[in-house]
Amino acid sequence: MSQHSFLKGKKVLITRGEGESGAFASSIRCNGGIPITLPLICFQACDLTDAEKRMISLVHTYDWLIFTSKNGVNYFFQQYKEQSLPKIAVIGKQTEEQLKQYGHSSDFIPSEFVAETFVQEFISLLRKEERVLVIKGNLARTVIRDRIREFGCICDEVVLYKNEMPQESEEKLHQLLLTEEVQLVTFTSSSTVQHFMRAVKRYQLYEKINKLTFACIGPIAKKTAEEYGLSVAICAEIYTMEGLLQAIMNFQD
């Protein structure tokens, strides 16, 4: 087992959803860190309106279908049982891999896995007045929809799932921060930042987080963290869990 100088002996909080942290936790452990997994996000299906159900049933009438996350893929195929789909665009390798699990492949994936890069590159593939359907969660931004509409295309959205904080995680996080059991906190999305800071505010733990080192999976999560007043020391250049691990490994304390 290798011992990375920065990670050695450090307790690392992993905030990903339940069941998604195993490989990352193993990598932290292999490099001398002590992973603490505490999911700060969980997902639930939304109750769809009749109009939203109709959009999904008529997805074959759109020119493009966009998935912003692997959760969107899963919840979509829980609703849609037919096999006739338009061209598909995805953000991120994990979303693409999840799509393959349902027997489909993507026609477009951006060079960087953030909404701004996605829509900038994606628009070059569109023709005026084409129809696009975006599948997303309740906390996803409207950057993609707004830019596509500005370009002159029809863009509809369906929010298929809710991103929430598990109730039991808030008290566990409270205890971890209160007893100073963590030295490094990893954020894998803006929502993990938001849920983390909700607990900090509720229990007035601002002094307890001053000495923590924060690592973000990419610039959007970093921006959210900084908006909450956090100083982000580590930000991945490749917006994946592997990229986040590499950024942590490259960090000089």
Protein backbone atom coordinates (compact mmCIF):
# COMPACT_ATOMS: atom_id res chain seq x y z
CA MET A 1 0.00 0.00 0.00
CA SER A 2 1.37 3.39 -0.97
CA GLN A 3 1.34 6.25 1.54
CA HIS A 4 0.65 9.64 0.00
CA SER A 5 2.18 12.36 2.20
CA PHE A 6 -0.85 14.68 2.17
CA LEU A 7 -3.45 11.95 2.73
CA LYS A 8 -1.55 9.89 5.28
CA GLY A 9 -3.62 9.64 8.44
CA LYS A 10 -6.19 12.20 7.31
CA LYS A 11 -9.89 11.50 7.76
CA VAL A 12 -11.64 12.25 4.46
CA LEU A 13 -15.38 12.92 4.31
CA ILE A 14 -16.97 11.50 1.15
CA THR A 15 -20.36 13.07 0.52
CA ARG A 16 -21.58 11.15 -2.52
CA GLY A 17 -24.91 9.34 -2.64
CA GLU A 18 -25.27 5.97 -0.94
CA GLY A 19 -23.69 3.13 -2.90
CA GLU A 20 -21.54 5.45 -5.03
CA SER A 21 -18.51 5.90 -2.80
CA GLY A 22 -16.89 2.45 -2.72
CA ALA A 23 -14.18 2.86 -5.34
CA PHE A 24 -13.26 6.38 -4.23
CA ALA A 25 -13.10 5.30 -0.58
CA SER A 26 -10.83 2.39 -1.52
CA SER A 27 -8.49 4.74 -3.38
CA ILE A 28 -8.32 7.09 -0.41
CA ARG A 29 -7.55 4.16 1.88
CA CYS A 30 -4.87 2.79 -0.46
CA ASN A 31 -3.09 6.13 -0.30
CA GLY A 32 -3.02 6.29 3.48
CA GLY A 33 -6.19 8.26 4.11
CA ILE A 34 -9.12 7.24 6.30
CA PRO A 35 -12.38 7.49 4.31
CA ILE A 36 -15.60 8.41 6.10
CA THR A 37 -18.60 7.93 3.84
CA LEU A 38 -21.67 9.99 4.65
CA PRO A 39 -24.16 10.49 1.81
CA LEU A 40 -25.40 14.07 1.75
CA ILE A 41 -27.67 13.44 -1.22
CA CYS A 42 -30.42 10.96 -2.02
CA PHE A 43 -32.83 10.79 -4.92
CA GLN A 44 -36.58 10.28 -5.26
CA ALA A 45 -38.85 10.21 -8.26
CA CYS A 46 -41.02 13.28 -8.84
CA ASP A 47 -44.77 13.18 -9.33
CA LEU A 48 -45.19 14.17 -12.96
CA THR A 49 -47.92 16.37 -14.38
CA ASP A 50 -49.98 15.14 -17.31
CA ALA A 51 -48.05 17.52 -19.56
CA GLU A 52 -44.72 16.08 -18.43
CA LYS A 53 -45.93 12.52 -18.92
CA ARG A 54 -47.00 13.48 -22.42
CA MET A 55 -43.55 14.92 -23.24
CA ILE A 56 -41.96 11.63 -22.28
CA SER A 57 -44.48 9.55 -24.21
CA LEU A 58 -43.82 11.72 -27.29
CA VAL A 59 -40.03 11.77 -26.92
CA HIS A 60 -39.67 10.22 -30.38
CA THR A 61 -41.07 13.46 -31.86
CA TYR A 62 -38.08 15.46 -30.57
CA ASP A 63 -34.84 15.81 -32.51
CA TRP A 64 -32.61 15.50 -29.43
CA LEU A 65 -32.89 14.05 -25.95
CA ILE A 66 -30.44 15.38 -23.32
CA PHE A 67 -29.51 13.60 -20.10
CA THR A 68 -27.69 15.73 -17.54
CA SER A 69 -26.93 12.87 -15.13
CA LYS A 70 -27.01 9.11 -14.75
CA ASN A 71 -29.95 9.50 -12.35
CA GLY A 72 -31.88 11.15 -15.14
CA VAL A 73 -31.18 8.12 -17.33
CA ASN A 74 -32.46 5.72 -14.67
CA TYR A 75 -35.63 7.64 -13.89
CA PHE A 76 -36.35 8.19 -17.58
CA PHE A 77 -36.28 4.51 -18.42
CA GLN A 78 -38.52 3.80 -15.45
CA GLN A 79 -41.11 5.96 -17.22
CA TYR A 80 -40.40 5.20 -20.87
CA LYS A 81 -40.66 1.63 -22.10
CA GLU A 82 -40.51 2.09 -25.87
CA GLN A 83 -37.25 1.80 -27.82
CA SER A 84 -37.72 4.55 -30.40
CA LEU A 85 -35.61 7.49 -29.29
CA PRO A 86 -34.21 10.60 -31.01
CA LYS A 87 -30.51 11.47 -31.00
CA ILE A 88 -29.11 11.51 -27.48
CA ALA A 89 -26.65 13.90 -25.82
CA VAL A 90 -25.19 13.34 -22.35
CA ILE A 91 -23.05 15.22 -19.86
CA GLY A 92 -20.34 13.02 -18.44
CA LYS A 93 -18.88 9.57 -18.84
CA GLN A 94 -20.96 8.08 -16.03
CA THR A 95 -24.14 9.25 -17.72
CA GLU A 96 -22.95 7.71 -20.97
CA GLU A 97 -22.13 4.41 -19.25
CA GLN A 98 -25.53 4.34 -17.57
CA LEU A 99 -27.21 4.92 -20.93
CA LYS A 100 -25.41 1.90 -22.36
CA GLN A 101 -26.92 -0.22 -19.60
CA TYR A 102 -30.29 0.38 -21.25
CA GLY A 103 -29.01 -0.57 -24.69
CA HIS A 104 -28.51 2.94 -26.06
CA SER A 105 -25.47 5.02 -26.95
CA SER A 106 -24.94 8.77 -27.01
CA ASP A 107 -24.57 10.84 -30.16
CA PHE A 108 -22.83 13.68 -28.36
CA ILE A 109 -20.73 14.13 -25.22
CA PRO A 110 -18.90 17.42 -24.46
CA SER A 111 -15.18 17.85 -23.96
CA GLU A 112 -15.81 19.12 -20.41
CA PHE A 113 -18.60 17.88 -18.17
CA VAL A 114 -20.24 21.17 -17.22
CA ALA A 115 -23.40 22.75 -18.62
CA GLU A 116 -21.65 25.80 -20.10
CA THR A 117 -19.23 23.74 -22.18
CA PHE A 118 -21.93 21.25 -23.10
CA VAL A 119 -24.32 23.81 -24.52
CA GLN A 120 -21.59 25.80 -26.28
CA GLU A 121 -20.45 22.71 -28.17
CA PHE A 122 -23.91 21.18 -28.57
CA ILE A 123 -25.46 24.19 -30.27
CA SER A 124 -23.15 23.74 -33.25
CA LEU A 125 -25.06 20.52 -34.00
CA LEU A 126 -28.49 22.13 -33.96
CA ARG A 127 -30.57 23.60 -36.74
CA LYS A 128 -33.04 26.40 -36.11
CA GLU A 129 -36.42 25.28 -34.76
CA GLU A 130 -35.30 21.77 -33.89
CA ARG A 131 -36.95 20.32 -30.80
CA VAL A 132 -34.95 19.30 -27.73
CA LEU A 133 -36.05 17.57 -24.52
CA VAL A 134 -33.90 17.87 -21.38
CA ILE A 135 -34.17 15.30 -18.58
CA LYS A 136 -32.94 16.67 -15.25
CA GLY A 137 -33.24 16.79 -11.47
CA ASN A 138 -34.88 19.49 -9.39
CA LEU A 139 -31.61 21.25 -8.51
CA ALA A 140 -30.13 21.32 -12.02
CA ARG A 141 -29.62 24.77 -13.49
CA THR A 142 -31.45 26.12 -16.57
CA VAL A 143 -28.29 27.04 -18.52
CA ILE A 144 -28.85 24.42 -21.22
CA ARG A 145 -32.52 25.18 -21.75
CA ASP A 146 -32.04 28.94 -21.83
CA ARG A 147 -29.16 28.90 -24.29
CA ILE A 148 -30.91 26.48 -26.67
CA ARG A 149 -34.00 28.67 -26.68
CA GLU A 150 -31.88 31.76 -27.34
CA PHE A 151 -30.45 29.94 -30.34
CA GLY A 152 -33.94 29.59 -31.78
CA CYS A 153 -34.85 26.02 -30.96
CA ILE A 154 -37.70 24.60 -28.92
CA CYS A 155 -36.40 23.22 -25.63
CA ASP A 156 -38.61 21.51 -23.08
CA GLU A 157 -37.55 20.21 -19.68
CA VAL A 158 -38.85 17.42 -17.48
CA VAL A 159 -37.73 17.24 -13.85
CA LEU A 160 -37.85 13.51 -13.15
CA TYR A 161 -36.21 13.30 -9.74
CA LYS A 162 -35.64 15.23 -6.52
CA ASN A 163 -32.23 15.64 -4.94
CA GLU A 164 -32.58 15.74 -1.16
CA MET A 165 -30.48 15.34 1.98
CA PRO A 166 -31.02 12.09 3.89
CA GLN A 167 -32.51 13.00 7.29
CA GLU A 168 -30.19 10.73 9.23
CA SER A 169 -27.10 12.24 7.56
CA GLU A 170 -27.63 15.71 8.97
CA GLU A 171 -27.25 14.59 12.60
CA LYS A 172 -24.28 12.37 11.71
CA LEU A 173 -22.60 15.30 9.98
CA HIS A 174 -23.31 17.44 13.03
CA GLN A 175 -21.49 14.96 15.25
CA LEU A 176 -18.54 14.57 12.87
CA LEU A 177 -17.96 18.31 12.72
CA LEU A 178 -18.65 18.87 16.39
CA THR A 179 -16.01 16.31 17.43
CA GLU A 180 -13.59 17.43 14.70
CA GLU A 181 -13.46 13.92 13.24
CA VAL A 182 -12.73 15.13 9.69
CA GLN A 183 -9.79 16.99 8.11
CA LEU A 184 -10.67 16.87 4.39
CA VAL A 185 -14.15 17.28 2.87
CA THR A 186 -14.87 16.28 -0.73
CA PHE A 187 -17.77 17.82 -2.66
CA THR A 188 -18.95 16.04 -5.80
CA SER A 189 -21.73 18.47 -6.75
CA SER A 190 -23.22 21.81 -5.79
CA SER A 191 -26.00 20.00 -3.93
CA THR A 192 -23.51 18.27 -1.62
CA VAL A 193 -22.16 21.73 -0.78
CA GLN A 194 -25.65 23.11 -0.16
CA HIS A 195 -26.65 20.23 2.09
CA PHE A 196 -23.36 20.41 4.00
CA MET A 197 -23.80 24.11 4.65
CA ARG A 198 -27.43 23.66 5.66
CA ALA A 199 -26.24 21.50 8.56
CA VAL A 200 -23.45 23.96 9.38
CA LYS A 201 -25.98 26.79 9.58
CA ARG A 202 -28.55 24.81 11.55
CA TYR A 203 -26.07 23.77 14.23
CA GLN A 204 -23.92 26.93 14.03
CA LEU A 205 -20.74 25.00 13.23
CA TYR A 206 -18.90 27.75 11.36
CA GLU A 207 -15.93 27.71 13.73
CA LYS A 208 -15.63 23.95 13.34
CA ILE A 209 -15.13 24.14 9.57
CA ASN A 210 -12.48 26.86 9.54
CA LYS A 211 -9.61 24.38 9.73
CA LEU A 212 -10.99 21.94 7.17
CA THR A 213 -9.53 21.43 3.71
CA PHE A 214 -12.16 21.39 0.95
CA ALA A 215 -11.86 19.57 -2.39
CA CYS A 216 -14.34 19.97 -5.26
CA ILE A 217 -14.95 17.80 -8.31
CA GLY A 218 -15.11 20.80 -10.63
CA PRO A 219 -15.63 24.55 -11.04
CA ILE A 220 -19.39 24.59 -10.51
CA ALA A 221 -19.16 22.90 -7.11
CA LYS A 222 -16.20 25.14 -6.28
CA LYS A 223 -18.16 28.27 -7.18
CA THR A 224 -21.05 27.15 -4.99
CA ALA A 225 -18.67 26.46 -2.09
CA GLU A 226 -17.04 29.87 -2.46
CA GLU A 227 -20.45 31.55 -2.52
CA TYR A 228 -20.97 30.07 0.93
CA GLY A 229 -17.66 31.55 2.04
CA LEU A 230 -15.62 28.35 1.94
CA SER A 231 -12.00 28.43 0.82
CA VAL A 232 -11.54 25.63 -1.71
CA ALA A 233 -7.96 24.38 -1.74
CA ILE A 234 -8.41 21.56 -4.28
CA CYS A 235 -10.39 21.49 -7.53
CA ALA A 236 -10.20 18.74 -10.11
CA GLU A 237 -9.15 19.64 -13.64
CA ILE A 238 -10.95 16.57 -14.99
CA TYR A 239 -14.47 16.58 -13.57
CA THR A 240 -14.69 12.94 -12.51
CA MET A 241 -14.00 11.01 -9.31
CA GLU A 242 -10.69 9.92 -10.81
CA GLY A 243 -9.87 13.54 -11.54
CA LEU A 244 -10.79 14.54 -7.99
CA LEU A 245 -8.53 11.84 -6.56
CA GLN A 246 -5.65 12.99 -8.78
CA ALA A 247 -6.14 16.60 -7.68
CA ILE A 248 -5.99 15.51 -4.04
CA MET A 249 -2.86 13.48 -4.73
CA ASN A 250 -1.21 16.46 -6.43
CA PHE A 251 -2.03 18.86 -3.60
CA GLN A 252 0.81 20.15 -1.47
CA ASP A 253 -0.37 21.05 2.03
